[in-house]
Amino acid sequence: MDADAYVAERLEDQISWYDAKSVRAQRSFKSLRLTEIIAAASIPLLSGFVDPERPYVTVIMGLLGALVAVIAAVLGLYQHERNWVDYRTTCEALKWEKYLFMTGTAPFGQQPEANYRLLVQRVEGLLSEENTKWGEDMTNPSGDEDPARGPLGEPLRTTPPTPPVSP
């Protein structure tokens, strides 16, 4: 496979795939988040209309609360926001490599064959990193990447605290 074929068949294909997935994840995230916000904001508004003559208002409030909980769970499960950012980042990195290669800008030099090999190494390296990251996300969907850190990202103690010295 020569450089033109690689760019057309592999690189452009991956750029298109990551672009489409990024757009889809962004739309999913924003539509779900907006629905969640509207449903959550409607609950206190409807609470002003609770009346024994209108029992359906409390039912609607309960359904909206359940909807908010379901949307929050779906957003956490499918990670639309994270996928949107990750896919967009990879797409833009692939475009960057393509443009550097096509313009002969550093790290690409004046030797076409060496440039082609370098492009393949760099592009396949990016794709491999993305695949590895995806695999890690599938085995650890909660996003707790470092078990040595607490819920706020602070390092956990590995030794017991030192007791205060009394005077």
Foldseek 3Di string as FASTA:
>chain_A
DALVCCCVPPLVVLLVVLVVLLVVLVVVVVVLVVLLVVLVVVLVVLVVVDDPVCPVSVVSSVVSVVSNVVSVVVCLQVVSVVSNVLSVVLSVVSVVLVVCLVVCHPPRHDDRVVSSVVSVVVNVVSVVVSVVVVVVCVVPVNPPPDPQADPVRHGHDPDDDDDDDDD
